[in-house]
Protein backbone atom coordinates (compact mmCIF):
# COMPACT_ATOMS: atom_id res chain seq x y z
CA CYS A 1 80.00 108.58 99.74
CA GLU A 2 83.06 106.65 100.96
CA PHE A 3 82.84 102.82 100.89
CA ILE A 4 83.80 101.18 104.19
CA PRO A 5 83.92 97.37 104.08
CA VAL A 6 81.97 95.42 106.69
CA VAL A 7 83.49 92.21 108.12
CA ASP A 8 81.18 89.41 109.26
CA LEU A 9 81.99 88.36 112.83
CA TYR A 10 80.09 85.30 113.96
CA SER A 11 80.43 81.96 115.62
CA ALA A 12 78.27 78.96 116.30
CA GLY A 13 77.94 78.30 119.98
CA HIS A 14 76.59 79.46 123.29
CA MET A 15 76.02 83.08 124.17
CA THR A 16 77.51 82.21 127.56
CA THR A 17 79.29 79.19 129.02
CA THR A 18 78.50 78.32 132.61
CA LYS A 19 79.69 75.91 135.29
CA ASP A 20 76.40 74.01 134.86
CA GLN A 21 77.30 73.25 131.24
CA LEU A 22 80.73 72.00 132.29
CA ASP A 23 79.22 69.80 135.01
CA SER A 24 76.87 68.21 132.45
CA LYS A 25 79.83 67.48 130.07
CA GLU A 26 78.29 69.67 127.35
CA ALA A 27 80.61 70.83 124.55
CA VAL A 28 82.16 74.16 125.54
CA PRO A 29 84.27 76.85 123.85
CA PHE A 30 88.07 76.58 123.85
CA THR A 31 89.86 79.17 126.00
CA HIS A 32 93.54 79.57 126.78
CA SER A 33 95.77 82.24 128.28
CA ILE A 34 97.68 84.36 125.76
CA SER A 35 100.19 87.18 126.13
CA LEU A 36 100.47 90.37 124.14
CA GLU A 37 104.01 91.78 124.09
CA GLY A 38 104.33 95.33 125.41
CA PRO A 39 106.87 97.93 124.22
CA GLN A 40 109.60 96.79 126.67
CA GLY A 41 108.81 93.09 126.22
CA GLU A 42 106.41 92.91 129.18
CA ALA A 43 103.58 90.39 128.95
CA VAL A 44 99.99 91.59 128.97
CA ARG A 45 98.03 88.43 129.77
CA VAL A 46 94.43 87.87 128.69
CA GLN A 47 92.20 84.84 128.42
CA GLY A 48 91.62 84.10 124.73
CA LEU A 49 88.53 82.48 123.26
CA PHE A 50 89.60 80.46 120.21
CA ASP A 51 86.89 80.87 117.56
CA ASP A 52 87.48 79.84 113.96
CA GLY A 53 84.03 81.18 113.07
CA ALA A 54 85.21 84.74 113.73
CA MET A 55 86.79 86.39 110.71
CA ILE A 56 89.00 88.70 112.83
CA SER A 57 90.60 88.71 116.27
CA ALA A 58 89.16 91.16 118.76
CA MET A 59 89.47 92.54 122.30
CA CYS A 60 86.51 93.72 124.37
CA THR A 61 86.54 97.40 125.38
CA LEU A 62 86.40 96.35 129.07
CA ILE A 63 89.80 94.66 128.68
CA TYR A 64 91.14 97.44 126.45
CA ASP A 65 90.39 100.03 129.14
CA LYS A 66 92.45 98.01 131.64
CA VAL A 67 95.49 97.23 129.43
CA LYS A 68 95.76 100.02 126.82
CA HIS A 69 98.47 101.87 128.78
CA ARG A 70 100.67 98.73 128.79
CA LEU A 71 100.73 98.29 125.00
CA ASP A 72 101.82 100.47 122.11
CA ASN A 73 101.18 100.06 118.37
CA TRP A 74 97.56 101.23 118.65
CA SER A 75 96.07 102.79 115.52
CA GLN A 76 92.68 104.13 114.52
CA SER A 77 90.24 101.73 112.89
CA THR A 78 87.34 102.40 110.54
CA GLN A 79 86.36 98.70 110.48
CA LYS A 80 82.69 97.83 110.89
CA LEU A 81 81.89 94.35 112.22
CA GLN A 82 78.66 92.50 111.46
CA MET A 83 77.37 90.23 114.23
CA ALA A 84 75.39 87.02 113.58
CA ASN A 85 72.16 88.84 114.44
CA GLY A 86 72.85 91.44 111.73
CA ASN A 87 73.90 94.26 114.08
CA ILE A 88 76.86 96.28 112.85
CA VAL A 89 79.35 97.35 115.51
CA ASN A 90 82.09 99.93 114.98
CA SER A 91 85.63 98.94 115.90
CA LEU A 92 87.10 101.60 118.17
CA ILE A 93 90.80 101.01 117.59
CA LYS A 94 93.19 98.25 116.48
CA TRP A 95 96.51 96.84 117.68
CA ASN A 96 99.36 95.15 115.86
CA GLY A 97 102.19 93.30 117.60
CA ILE A 98 103.50 90.00 118.94
CA ILE A 99 101.03 87.47 120.37
CA ASN A 100 102.57 84.73 122.52
CA ILE A 101 100.88 81.45 123.42
CA ASN A 102 103.08 79.35 125.72
CA GLY A 103 106.27 80.47 123.95
CA VAL A 104 104.92 80.17 120.40
CA LYS A 105 104.97 83.70 118.97
CA MET A 106 103.29 85.26 115.98
CA GLN A 107 102.82 88.77 114.60
CA GLY A 108 99.13 89.60 114.69
CA GLU A 109 96.47 92.26 114.98
CA PHE A 110 93.07 92.66 116.54
CA GLU A 111 90.18 95.11 116.61
CA VAL A 112 88.64 96.54 119.80
CA PHE A 113 84.87 96.70 120.35
CA ASP A 114 82.33 96.12 123.13
CA SER A 115 81.51 92.41 123.47
CA GLY A 116 79.04 93.22 126.24
CA GLY A 117 81.06 91.01 128.58
CA GLY A 118 80.59 87.80 126.59
CA TRP A 119 84.35 87.34 126.12
CA GLY A 120 87.55 89.28 126.76
CA PHE A 121 89.73 88.37 123.78
CA LEU A 122 88.70 86.52 120.65
CA LEU A 123 91.26 84.69 118.50
CA GLY A 124 89.64 84.55 115.09
CA LYS A 125 90.36 82.34 112.10
CA PRO A 126 93.14 84.48 110.52
CA MET A 127 95.13 84.40 113.78
CA LEU A 128 94.48 80.67 114.25
CA GLN A 129 95.72 80.10 110.68
CA ALA A 130 98.87 82.13 111.43
CA PHE A 131 99.54 79.84 114.44
CA GLU A 132 98.78 76.81 112.22
CA ALA A 133 96.22 75.78 114.83
CA VAL A 134 94.73 72.28 114.62
CA HIS A 135 91.94 71.45 117.08
CA ASP A 136 91.58 67.84 118.26
CA TYR A 137 87.97 67.79 119.43
CA LYS A 138 88.24 64.36 121.07
CA THR A 139 90.91 65.54 123.54
CA ASP A 140 89.90 69.23 123.32
CA THR A 141 93.49 70.27 122.66
CA ILE A 142 94.97 72.52 119.98
CA SER A 143 98.40 72.17 118.40
CA ILE A 144 100.07 75.45 117.41
CA SER A 145 103.43 76.27 115.87
CA ASP A 146 105.74 78.99 114.67
CA LYS A 147 109.05 78.72 112.80
CA LYS A 148 110.88 77.64 115.98
CA SER A 149 108.55 75.28 117.86
CA SER A 150 105.32 73.34 117.94
CA ILE A 151 103.27 72.66 121.07
CA MET A 152 99.92 71.26 122.23
CA ILE A 153 97.70 73.42 124.47
CA GLU A 154 94.73 72.33 126.60
CA ASN A 155 91.36 74.00 126.97
CA GLN A 156 91.64 76.12 130.13
CA ILE A 157 87.92 76.78 130.54
CA THR A 158 87.81 74.09 133.22
CA TYR A 159 90.84 75.34 135.19
CA PRO A 160 90.10 76.03 138.86
CA ILE A 161 90.84 79.77 138.50
CA ALA A 162 88.08 79.97 135.89
CA LEU A 163 85.62 78.22 138.21
CA HIS A 164 86.59 80.06 141.40
CA GLN A 165 83.43 81.49 142.93
CA ILE A 166 81.60 81.51 139.60
CA ASP A 167 77.88 80.85 139.77
CA GLY A 168 75.79 79.47 136.90
CA SER A 169 75.00 82.92 135.45
CA ILE A 170 78.51 84.29 134.80
CA SER A 171 80.09 83.58 131.43
CA LEU A 172 83.27 81.52 131.69
CA THR A 173 84.47 82.93 128.36
CA ALA A 174 84.78 86.37 129.98
CA ASP A 175 88.28 87.40 131.02
CA ILE A 176 88.91 87.67 134.79
CA LYS A 177 89.21 91.46 134.33
CA GLN A 178 85.63 91.48 133.00
CA ARG A 179 84.27 89.23 135.74
CA GLU A 180 85.39 91.78 138.33
CA ILE A 181 83.27 94.41 136.59
CA LEU A 182 80.33 92.14 135.75
CA TRP A 183 80.00 90.31 139.07
CA GLY A 184 76.94 92.33 140.12
CA GLY A 185 75.13 91.62 136.86
CA MET A 186 75.92 90.99 133.24
CA GLU A 187 74.89 92.94 130.17
CA THR A 188 73.73 90.87 127.22
CA PRO A 189 76.65 90.39 124.79
CA PRO A 190 76.20 90.66 121.02
CA SER A 191 74.82 87.34 119.76
CA ARG A 192 77.44 84.81 118.63
CA GLN A 193 74.70 82.26 117.87
CA VAL A 194 74.24 81.34 114.22
CA ILE A 195 70.68 82.21 113.28
C-alpha cells in the first residue's frame, strides 16, 4: 500500500461573506486581485482570498475550467487535502509559475480542487510567507515584498465591483467567474470553519 500524505486545509472564519456583514462592519476575509503569468507573459487575473490558516494555495475547479487554456506548467497531483470538517478532498492538478500582486512577483504553486463556490483562489500560508506578507488588522492592509520592491495592498472585498448586484446570499469571496455560474443558486462549499 502506497503512503500518500494528507495536508490539512482549514481556516477560521465565515463559510460565506455577504454584503450584510460588510454593512454591519463585521470582520471580513481579506481579498485582493492577483495575476498568474501565462506562457507568453499574459496576465490571468483572479480574486485571491488571503488565508494564513490554509497550509497550501489552491484554485477552485470552476476557475480552473475557465483559465486552464491560458496557463502552462500544469502537472498531475496526488495530494489529498483535509478540510476542517474532516472531509478529504483530492487535488485534481497543480500549477507552478509566477504569481504577481501589484508588481510584486514570486514563484509559487497551487493545487486545484472544488471549493463548492466558496472562493476562487486561496493564497495559503506558504505563499504569504514567500511574499513576506504582514497583515495590519487595524487598517486591514497587507504589506508584501520581493527582492525588488515592497508595497501595501488594501482589502478589495469592499470594492464596488465586488458589491455590484450582489444580494445577501452570494459569497463575496467567490471570484467573479464563479458568481456568473452560481448566480442562480450556490452549492455549499467545504467548511472553512474551525470546529
